[in-house]
């Protein structure tokens, strides 16, 4: 192998390595930036229609019907302390709670409220449950754009018009 060929192979390997490093670094950097920015975003802001529930039974929440209050619609986010995406979704829902004053939002720790999670068929976190006067449905695989779009439909029409990715709770 001559000197030109070795040099070309070496440069090719460097380019491949650079592409791999950039491909890993940029998404990782963006993820870390998002987590740092979102971590304390709404910590000191009181949101009237957002409730963090420590013990559901103590608040009288024992099944899907317990979420009906002065609000016609409720959104429940099941989280866990060890779930990274849950923190991000919590901040998204707090932001949306400010936008959708006609919906009551709840954040419930799945580990502290296992019985309620089982009754609502929630097995993993994060899971979002949307409840209106007649029905409830849940979705486990959600992203920011999905939540915003789904909340828009939900706020206007209710559970019946949610995408088919939502599983009905009967």
N, C-alpha and C. Protein backbone atom coordinates (compact mmCIF):
# COMPACT_ATOMS: atom_id res chain seq x y z
N UNK A 1 0.85 -1.17 0.00
CA UNK A 1 0.00 0.00 0.00
C UNK A 1 0.90 1.24 0.00
N UNK A 2 0.63 2.11 -0.93
CA UNK A 2 1.49 3.29 -1.04
C UNK A 2 1.05 4.37 -0.04
N UNK A 3 1.83 5.41 0.02
CA UNK A 3 1.63 6.48 0.99
C UNK A 3 0.30 7.22 0.75
N UNK A 4 -0.07 7.46 -0.51
CA UNK A 4 -1.31 8.16 -0.83
C UNK A 4 -2.53 7.36 -0.37
N UNK A 5 -2.51 6.06 -0.58
CA UNK A 5 -3.63 5.21 -0.20
C UNK A 5 -3.78 5.17 1.32
N UNK A 6 -2.67 5.03 2.04
CA UNK A 6 -2.71 5.03 3.50
C UNK A 6 -3.26 6.36 4.02
N UNK A 7 -2.82 7.45 3.44
CA UNK A 7 -3.27 8.77 3.86
C UNK A 7 -4.78 8.92 3.59
N UNK A 8 -5.24 8.46 2.44
CA UNK A 8 -6.67 8.54 2.10
C UNK A 8 -7.51 7.72 3.07
N UNK A 9 -7.05 6.50 3.42
CA UNK A 9 -7.77 5.67 4.39
C UNK A 9 -7.80 6.32 5.76
N UNK A 10 -6.68 6.92 6.17
CA UNK A 10 -6.59 7.59 7.45
C UNK A 10 -7.56 8.78 7.51
N UNK A 11 -7.60 9.58 6.47
CA UNK A 11 -8.50 10.73 6.41
C UNK A 11 -9.96 10.27 6.41
N UNK A 12 -10.25 9.21 5.71
CA UNK A 12 -11.61 8.65 5.68
C UNK A 12 -12.03 8.22 7.08
N UNK A 13 -11.12 7.53 7.78
CA UNK A 13 -11.43 7.08 9.15
C UNK A 13 -11.64 8.28 10.07
N UNK A 14 -10.85 9.34 9.92
CA UNK A 14 -11.03 10.54 10.73
C UNK A 14 -12.38 11.19 10.48
N UNK A 15 -12.77 11.25 9.22
CA UNK A 15 -14.06 11.85 8.87
C UNK A 15 -15.19 11.03 9.47
N UNK A 16 -15.12 9.72 9.37
CA UNK A 16 -16.15 8.84 9.94
C UNK A 16 -16.23 9.03 11.45
N UNK A 17 -15.08 9.07 12.11
CA UNK A 17 -15.04 9.26 13.55
C UNK A 17 -15.64 10.61 13.94
N UNK A 18 -15.32 11.65 13.17
CA UNK A 18 -15.87 12.99 13.45
C UNK A 18 -17.38 12.99 13.30
N UNK A 19 -17.91 12.35 12.27
CA UNK A 19 -19.35 12.29 12.06
C UNK A 19 -20.02 11.54 13.21
N UNK A 20 -19.42 10.45 13.64
CA UNK A 20 -19.98 9.68 14.76
C UNK A 20 -19.98 10.52 16.03
N UNK A 21 -18.86 11.17 16.33
CA UNK A 21 -18.79 11.98 17.54
C UNK A 21 -19.78 13.13 17.52
N UNK A 22 -19.90 13.80 16.39
CA UNK A 22 -20.86 14.90 16.27
C UNK A 22 -22.28 14.37 16.41
N UNK A 23 -22.56 13.23 15.80
CA UNK A 23 -23.89 12.63 15.88
C UNK A 23 -24.28 12.24 17.28
N UNK A 24 -23.33 11.87 18.11
CA UNK A 24 -23.60 11.51 19.50
C UNK A 24 -23.60 12.76 20.38
N UNK A 25 -22.67 13.65 20.17
CA UNK A 25 -22.49 14.81 21.04
C UNK A 25 -23.65 15.80 20.96
N UNK A 26 -24.08 16.14 19.76
CA UNK A 26 -25.11 17.17 19.62
C UNK A 26 -26.43 16.75 20.25
N UNK A 27 -26.96 15.54 19.96
CA UNK A 27 -28.20 15.16 20.65
C UNK A 27 -28.03 15.08 22.16
N UNK A 28 -26.88 14.58 22.61
CA UNK A 28 -26.63 14.47 24.05
C UNK A 28 -26.57 15.87 24.66
N UNK A 29 -25.88 16.78 24.01
CA UNK A 29 -25.77 18.15 24.51
C UNK A 29 -27.15 18.80 24.55
N UNK A 30 -27.94 18.64 23.51
CA UNK A 30 -29.28 19.22 23.48
C UNK A 30 -30.15 18.64 24.59
N UNK A 31 -30.05 17.34 24.82
CA UNK A 31 -30.82 16.69 25.88
C UNK A 31 -30.42 17.24 27.25
N UNK A 32 -29.14 17.37 27.48
CA UNK A 32 -28.66 17.89 28.76
C UNK A 32 -29.12 19.33 28.94
N UNK A 33 -29.02 20.15 27.90
CA UNK A 33 -29.47 21.54 27.98
C UNK A 33 -30.95 21.61 28.31
N UNK A 34 -31.77 20.76 27.68
CA UNK A 34 -33.21 20.76 27.94
C UNK A 34 -33.47 20.41 29.39
N UNK A 35 -32.82 19.38 29.91
CA UNK A 35 -33.04 18.97 31.29
C UNK A 35 -32.65 20.07 32.26
N UNK A 36 -31.53 20.73 32.02
CA UNK A 36 -31.08 21.80 32.90
C UNK A 36 -32.04 22.98 32.84
N UNK A 37 -32.46 23.36 31.65
CA UNK A 37 -33.38 24.49 31.50
C UNK A 37 -34.73 24.15 32.12
N UNK A 38 -35.23 22.95 31.90
CA UNK A 38 -36.56 22.58 32.37
C UNK A 38 -36.62 22.22 33.84
N UNK A 39 -35.50 21.91 34.45
CA UNK A 39 -35.51 21.34 35.79
C UNK A 39 -36.31 22.17 36.79
N UNK A 40 -36.07 23.46 36.88
CA UNK A 40 -36.73 24.30 37.86
C UNK A 40 -37.66 25.33 37.24
N UNK A 41 -38.09 25.09 36.04
CA UNK A 41 -38.82 26.08 35.27
C UNK A 41 -40.06 26.62 35.98
N UNK A 42 -40.87 25.76 36.58
CA UNK A 42 -42.12 26.18 37.21
C UNK A 42 -42.15 25.91 38.71
N UNK A 43 -41.00 25.68 39.29
CA UNK A 43 -40.94 25.28 40.70
C UNK A 43 -41.59 26.30 41.63
N UNK A 44 -41.39 27.58 41.41
CA UNK A 44 -41.90 28.60 42.32
C UNK A 44 -43.13 29.33 41.79
N UNK A 45 -43.75 28.76 40.77
CA UNK A 45 -44.95 29.38 40.20
C UNK A 45 -46.16 28.57 40.62
N UNK A 46 -47.15 29.26 41.20
CA UNK A 46 -48.37 28.57 41.60
C UNK A 46 -49.33 28.53 40.42
N UNK A 47 -49.73 27.32 40.06
CA UNK A 47 -50.66 27.13 38.95
C UNK A 47 -51.94 26.55 39.55
N UNK A 48 -53.02 27.31 39.52
CA UNK A 48 -54.25 26.95 40.23
C UNK A 48 -54.86 25.63 39.79
N UNK A 49 -54.76 25.31 38.51
CA UNK A 49 -55.40 24.10 38.01
C UNK A 49 -54.40 22.95 37.82
N UNK A 50 -53.29 22.98 38.58
CA UNK A 50 -52.29 21.91 38.53
C UNK A 50 -52.04 21.43 39.96
N UNK A 51 -52.26 20.13 40.19
CA UNK A 51 -52.12 19.58 41.53
C UNK A 51 -51.16 18.41 41.52
N UNK A 52 -50.15 18.48 42.37
CA UNK A 52 -49.25 17.34 42.57
C UNK A 52 -49.84 16.51 43.70
N UNK A 53 -50.11 15.25 43.41
CA UNK A 53 -50.78 14.37 44.37
C UNK A 53 -49.76 13.42 44.98
N UNK A 54 -49.59 13.53 46.30
CA UNK A 54 -48.67 12.61 46.98
C UNK A 54 -49.37 11.29 47.29
N UNK A 55 -50.48 11.36 47.99
CA UNK A 55 -51.26 10.17 48.31
C UNK A 55 -52.68 10.37 47.80
N UNK A 56 -53.01 9.67 46.73
CA UNK A 56 -54.30 9.85 46.07
C UNK A 56 -55.47 9.56 47.01
N UNK A 57 -55.37 8.51 47.80
CA UNK A 57 -56.47 8.13 48.69
C UNK A 57 -56.78 9.22 49.70
N UNK A 58 -55.74 9.90 50.20
CA UNK A 58 -55.94 10.97 51.17
C UNK A 58 -56.70 12.14 50.56
N UNK A 59 -56.62 12.28 49.24
CA UNK A 59 -57.36 13.36 48.55
C UNK A 59 -58.71 12.87 48.03
N UNK A 60 -59.05 11.62 48.34
CA UNK A 60 -60.32 11.06 47.88
C UNK A 60 -60.29 10.57 46.45
N UNK A 61 -59.09 10.42 45.88
CA UNK A 61 -58.97 9.93 44.51
C UNK A 61 -58.74 8.43 44.56
N UNK A 62 -59.77 7.65 44.20
CA UNK A 62 -59.66 6.20 44.27
C UNK A 62 -59.94 5.51 42.94
N UNK A 63 -60.56 6.22 42.00
CA UNK A 63 -60.82 5.65 40.67
C UNK A 63 -60.99 6.78 39.67
N UNK A 64 -61.34 6.43 38.45
CA UNK A 64 -61.43 7.43 37.39
C UNK A 64 -62.51 8.47 37.68
N UNK A 65 -63.59 8.08 38.33
CA UNK A 65 -64.68 9.01 38.65
C UNK A 65 -64.27 10.05 39.69
N UNK A 66 -63.23 9.77 40.47
CA UNK A 66 -62.78 10.69 41.51
C UNK A 66 -62.20 11.97 40.95
N UNK A 67 -61.84 11.99 39.69
CA UNK A 67 -61.21 13.17 39.10
C UNK A 67 -62.23 14.23 38.69
N UNK A 68 -63.50 13.88 38.68
CA UNK A 68 -64.52 14.87 38.32
C UNK A 68 -64.70 15.82 39.48
N UNK A 69 -64.41 17.06 39.23
CA UNK A 69 -64.56 18.09 40.26
C UNK A 69 -65.31 19.24 39.63
N UNK A 70 -64.88 20.43 39.90
CA UNK A 70 -65.52 21.58 39.28
C UNK A 70 -65.10 21.73 37.82
N UNK A 71 -64.16 20.90 37.40
CA UNK A 71 -63.71 20.90 36.01
C UNK A 71 -64.39 19.76 35.26
N UNK A 72 -64.78 20.00 34.02
CA UNK A 72 -65.38 18.93 33.22
C UNK A 72 -64.33 17.95 32.74
N UNK A 73 -63.08 18.43 32.62
CA UNK A 73 -62.02 17.60 32.05
C UNK A 73 -60.80 17.61 32.96
N UNK A 74 -60.13 16.46 33.00
CA UNK A 74 -58.91 16.34 33.79
C UNK A 74 -57.84 15.63 32.97
N UNK A 75 -56.59 16.01 33.23
CA UNK A 75 -55.44 15.35 32.64
C UNK A 75 -54.56 14.89 33.79
N UNK A 76 -54.23 13.61 33.78
CA UNK A 76 -53.42 13.03 34.85
C UNK A 76 -52.11 12.53 34.26
N UNK A 77 -51.01 12.98 34.82
CA UNK A 77 -49.69 12.50 34.41
C UNK A 77 -49.16 11.59 35.51
N UNK A 78 -48.97 10.32 35.18
CA UNK A 78 -48.35 9.39 36.12
C UNK A 78 -46.84 9.47 35.91
N UNK A 79 -46.13 9.77 36.99
CA UNK A 79 -44.68 9.95 36.94
C UNK A 79 -44.02 9.03 37.96
N UNK A 80 -42.71 9.10 38.00
CA UNK A 80 -41.94 8.44 39.05
C UNK A 80 -40.66 9.26 39.27
N UNK A 81 -40.13 9.16 40.46
CA UNK A 81 -38.96 9.97 40.80
C UNK A 81 -37.73 9.58 39.98
N UNK A 82 -37.68 8.35 39.50
CA UNK A 82 -36.52 7.85 38.77
C UNK A 82 -36.67 8.02 37.26
N UNK A 83 -37.74 8.64 36.79
CA UNK A 83 -38.04 8.74 35.36
C UNK A 83 -37.58 10.09 34.81
N UNK A 84 -36.56 10.08 33.96
CA UNK A 84 -36.06 11.30 33.35
C UNK A 84 -37.07 12.01 32.47
N UNK A 85 -37.72 11.32 31.52
CA UNK A 85 -38.72 11.98 30.67
C UNK A 85 -39.90 12.56 31.44
N UNK A 86 -40.17 12.02 32.64
CA UNK A 86 -41.29 12.53 33.44
C UNK A 86 -41.09 13.99 33.82
N UNK A 87 -39.86 14.36 34.18
CA UNK A 87 -39.58 15.75 34.54
C UNK A 87 -39.87 16.67 33.37
N UNK A 88 -39.44 16.27 32.20
CA UNK A 88 -39.68 17.07 31.00
C UNK A 88 -41.19 17.20 30.74
N UNK A 89 -41.92 16.10 30.82
CA UNK A 89 -43.36 16.14 30.56
C UNK A 89 -44.11 16.91 31.65
N UNK A 90 -43.62 16.85 32.88
CA UNK A 90 -44.22 17.63 33.96
C UNK A 90 -44.19 19.11 33.62
N UNK A 91 -43.06 19.59 33.15
CA UNK A 91 -42.95 21.00 32.80
C UNK A 91 -43.82 21.36 31.60
N UNK A 92 -43.92 20.45 30.64
CA UNK A 92 -44.79 20.69 29.48
C UNK A 92 -46.24 20.81 29.96
N UNK A 93 -46.67 19.90 30.84
CA UNK A 93 -48.06 19.95 31.31
C UNK A 93 -48.32 21.17 32.18
N UNK A 94 -47.34 21.59 32.97
CA UNK A 94 -47.53 22.81 33.76
C UNK A 94 -47.71 24.02 32.84
N UNK A 95 -46.92 24.05 31.79
CA UNK A 95 -47.06 25.13 30.80
C UNK A 95 -48.43 25.09 30.15
N UNK A 96 -48.90 23.89 29.82
CA UNK A 96 -50.21 23.75 29.19
C UNK A 96 -51.33 24.05 30.18
N UNK A 97 -51.12 23.77 31.46
CA UNK A 97 -52.12 24.10 32.48
C UNK A 97 -52.38 25.60 32.51
N UNK A 98 -51.34 26.37 32.29
CA UNK A 98 -51.49 27.83 32.23
C UNK A 98 -52.34 28.20 31.01
N UNK A 99 -52.16 27.49 29.90
CA UNK A 99 -52.90 27.77 28.66
C UNK A 99 -54.34 27.26 28.69
N UNK A 100 -54.58 26.15 29.37
CA UNK A 100 -55.90 25.52 29.39
C UNK A 100 -56.49 25.60 30.79
N UNK A 101 -57.05 26.72 31.12
CA UNK A 101 -57.61 26.93 32.45
C UNK A 101 -58.91 26.15 32.68
N UNK A 102 -59.50 25.60 31.61
CA UNK A 102 -60.72 24.81 31.74
C UNK A 102 -60.46 23.34 32.04
N UNK A 103 -59.20 22.97 32.19
CA UNK A 103 -58.83 21.58 32.46
C UNK A 103 -58.07 21.53 33.78
N UNK A 104 -58.38 20.53 34.62
CA UNK A 104 -57.63 20.31 35.86
C UNK A 104 -56.52 19.31 35.56
N UNK A 105 -55.30 19.64 35.95
CA UNK A 105 -54.13 18.79 35.73
C UNK A 105 -53.69 18.18 37.05
N UNK A 106 -53.34 16.89 37.01
CA UNK A 106 -52.83 16.19 38.18
C UNK A 106 -51.50 15.53 37.83
N UNK A 107 -50.59 15.52 38.77
CA UNK A 107 -49.33 14.79 38.66
C UNK A 107 -49.31 13.78 39.80
N UNK A 108 -49.22 12.50 39.44
CA UNK A 108 -49.32 11.44 40.45
C UNK A 108 -48.12 10.51 40.33
N UNK A 109 -47.45 10.27 41.45
CA UNK A 109 -46.32 9.35 41.50
C UNK A 109 -46.85 7.92 41.49
N UNK A 110 -46.44 7.16 40.49
CA UNK A 110 -46.95 5.79 40.32
C UNK A 110 -46.51 4.87 41.47
N UNK A 111 -45.32 5.11 42.00
CA UNK A 111 -44.81 4.24 43.08
C UNK A 111 -45.58 4.46 44.38
N UNK A 112 -45.99 5.68 44.65
CA UNK A 112 -46.73 5.99 45.87
C UNK A 112 -48.23 5.72 45.73
N UNK A 113 -48.69 5.51 44.50
CA UNK A 113 -50.12 5.32 44.24
C UNK A 113 -50.36 4.13 43.33
N UNK A 114 -49.78 3.01 43.68
CA UNK A 114 -49.84 1.79 42.87
C UNK A 114 -51.27 1.33 42.60
N UNK A 115 -52.10 1.36 43.64
CA UNK A 115 -53.47 0.85 43.50
C UNK A 115 -54.27 1.66 42.48
N UNK A 116 -54.16 2.97 42.54
CA UNK A 116 -54.85 3.82 41.57
C UNK A 116 -54.32 3.58 40.17
N UNK A 117 -53.01 3.46 40.03
CA UNK A 117 -52.40 3.20 38.73
C UNK A 117 -52.95 1.90 38.13
N UNK A 118 -53.06 0.88 38.96
CA UNK A 118 -53.60 -0.40 38.48
C UNK A 118 -55.05 -0.26 38.04
N UNK A 119 -55.85 0.49 38.79
CA UNK A 119 -57.25 0.69 38.42
C UNK A 119 -57.38 1.41 37.08
N UNK A 120 -56.42 2.28 36.78
CA UNK A 120 -56.46 3.02 35.52
C UNK A 120 -55.63 2.34 34.43
N UNK A 121 -55.15 1.12 34.72
CA UNK A 121 -54.39 0.33 33.77
C UNK A 121 -53.06 0.98 33.38
N UNK A 122 -52.48 1.75 34.30
CA UNK A 122 -51.20 2.41 34.05
C UNK A 122 -50.09 1.49 34.54
N UNK A 123 -49.17 1.16 33.62
CA UNK A 123 -48.11 0.22 33.97
C UNK A 123 -46.71 0.84 33.90
N UNK A 124 -46.56 1.90 33.11
CA UNK A 124 -45.24 2.52 32.95
C UNK A 124 -45.36 4.04 33.08
N UNK A 125 -44.21 4.66 33.30
CA UNK A 125 -44.17 6.12 33.34
C UNK A 125 -43.26 6.60 32.23
N UNK A 126 -43.54 7.76 31.68
CA UNK A 126 -44.71 8.59 31.95
C UNK A 126 -45.93 8.07 31.19
N UNK A 127 -47.09 8.19 31.80
CA UNK A 127 -48.36 7.88 31.15
C UNK A 127 -49.30 9.04 31.41
N UNK A 128 -50.01 9.44 30.37
CA UNK A 128 -50.99 10.52 30.47
C UNK A 128 -52.38 9.91 30.38
N UNK A 129 -53.24 10.29 31.31
CA UNK A 129 -54.63 9.86 31.28
C UNK A 129 -55.48 11.11 31.11
N UNK A 130 -56.36 11.10 30.11
CA UNK A 130 -57.27 12.22 29.88
C UNK A 130 -58.68 11.74 30.22
N UNK A 131 -59.38 12.55 31.01
CA UNK A 131 -60.68 12.15 31.54
C UNK A 131 -61.69 13.27 31.27
N UNK A 132 -62.83 12.90 30.68
CA UNK A 132 -63.92 13.88 30.57
C UNK A 132 -65.13 13.32 31.31
N UNK A 133 -66.27 13.95 31.16
CA UNK A 133 -67.45 13.57 31.93
C UNK A 133 -67.91 12.14 31.66
N UNK A 134 -67.60 11.61 30.49
CA UNK A 134 -68.14 10.30 30.13
C UNK A 134 -67.09 9.20 29.96
N UNK A 135 -65.85 9.56 29.68
CA UNK A 135 -64.85 8.55 29.35
C UNK A 135 -63.47 8.93 29.86
N UNK A 136 -62.60 7.95 29.76
CA UNK A 136 -61.18 8.19 30.07
C UNK A 136 -60.34 7.39 29.09
N UNK A 137 -59.14 7.88 28.81
CA UNK A 137 -58.22 7.19 27.91
C UNK A 137 -56.80 7.51 28.34
N UNK A 138 -55.89 6.58 28.05
CA UNK A 138 -54.50 6.81 28.43
C UNK A 138 -53.57 6.56 27.26
N UNK A 139 -52.38 7.15 27.35
CA UNK A 139 -51.35 7.02 26.33
C UNK A 139 -50.00 7.03 27.04
N UNK A 140 -49.13 6.11 26.67
CA UNK A 140 -47.82 6.02 27.32
C UNK A 140 -46.69 6.58 26.48
N UNK A 141 -46.87 6.66 25.20
CA UNK A 141 -45.78 7.08 24.31
C UNK A 141 -46.08 8.46 23.76
N UNK A 142 -45.75 9.50 24.54
CA UNK A 142 -46.12 10.86 24.13
C UNK A 142 -44.90 11.77 24.10
N UNK A 143 -44.95 12.71 23.19
CA UNK A 143 -43.93 13.74 23.09
C UNK A 143 -44.59 15.10 23.20
N UNK A 144 -43.79 16.16 23.23
CA UNK A 144 -44.30 17.51 23.45
C UNK A 144 -45.33 17.91 22.39
N UNK A 145 -45.01 17.69 21.12
CA UNK A 145 -45.94 18.09 20.06
C UNK A 145 -47.24 17.31 20.15
N UNK A 146 -47.13 16.01 20.49
CA UNK A 146 -48.33 15.17 20.63
C UNK A 146 -49.22 15.70 21.76
N UNK A 147 -48.61 16.02 22.88
CA UNK A 147 -49.38 16.50 24.03
C UNK A 147 -50.12 17.78 23.69
N UNK A 148 -49.42 18.72 23.08
CA UNK A 148 -50.03 20.01 22.76
C UNK A 148 -51.19 19.82 21.78
N UNK A 149 -50.99 19.00 20.76
CA UNK A 149 -52.05 18.73 19.78
C UNK A 149 -53.22 18.00 20.43
N UNK A 150 -52.91 16.96 21.23
CA UNK A 150 -53.97 16.18 21.87
C UNK A 150 -54.76 17.02 22.87
N UNK A 151 -54.08 17.90 23.61
CA UNK A 151 -54.77 18.77 24.56
C UNK A 151 -55.71 19.73 23.84
N UNK A 152 -55.31 20.18 22.67
CA UNK A 152 -56.17 21.07 21.90
C UNK A 152 -57.47 20.36 21.53
N UNK A 153 -57.37 19.14 21.00
CA UNK A 153 -58.57 18.36 20.68
C UNK A 153 -59.38 18.08 21.94
N UNK A 154 -58.68 17.65 22.99
CA UNK A 154 -59.34 17.28 24.24
C UNK A 154 -60.08 18.46 24.85
N UNK A 155 -59.48 19.65 24.84
CA UNK A 155 -60.11 20.82 25.46
C UNK A 155 -61.40 21.21 24.74
N UNK A 156 -61.45 20.97 23.45
CA UNK A 156 -62.62 21.35 22.67
C UNK A 156 -63.68 20.25 22.66
N UNK A 157 -63.27 19.02 22.40
CA UNK A 157 -64.23 17.94 22.16
C UNK A 157 -64.26 16.89 23.26
N UNK A 158 -63.12 16.56 23.84
CA UNK A 158 -63.09 15.55 24.88
C UNK A 158 -62.40 14.28 24.43
N UNK A 159 -62.56 13.24 25.21
CA UNK A 159 -61.87 11.97 24.98
C UNK A 159 -62.26 11.34 23.65
N UNK A 160 -63.50 11.49 23.24
CA UNK A 160 -63.96 10.80 22.03
C UNK A 160 -63.19 11.18 20.77
N UNK A 161 -62.51 12.31 20.75
CA UNK A 161 -61.81 12.73 19.55
C UNK A 161 -60.29 12.61 19.66
N UNK A 162 -59.81 11.93 20.67
CA UNK A 162 -58.36 11.74 20.80
C UNK A 162 -57.87 10.77 19.73
N UNK A 163 -56.59 10.84 19.38
CA UNK A 163 -56.05 9.91 18.37
C UNK A 163 -56.22 8.46 18.81
N UNK A 164 -56.18 7.57 17.84
CA UNK A 164 -56.37 6.15 18.14
C UNK A 164 -55.24 5.55 18.95
N UNK A 165 -54.15 6.30 19.15
CA UNK A 165 -53.05 5.78 19.99
C UNK A 165 -53.46 5.76 21.46
N UNK A 166 -54.53 6.47 21.80
CA UNK A 166 -55.02 6.45 23.18
C UNK A 166 -55.87 5.21 23.39
N UNK A 167 -55.69 4.56 24.52
CA UNK A 167 -56.44 3.37 24.87
C UNK A 167 -57.55 3.78 25.82
N UNK A 168 -58.77 3.40 25.50
CA UNK A 168 -59.92 3.77 26.34
C UNK A 168 -59.92 2.99 27.64
N UNK A 169 -60.34 3.67 28.70
CA UNK A 169 -60.54 3.01 30.00
C UNK A 169 -62.03 2.96 30.22
N UNK A 170 -62.57 1.76 30.32
CA UNK A 170 -64.04 1.63 30.51
C UNK A 170 -64.38 1.16 31.89
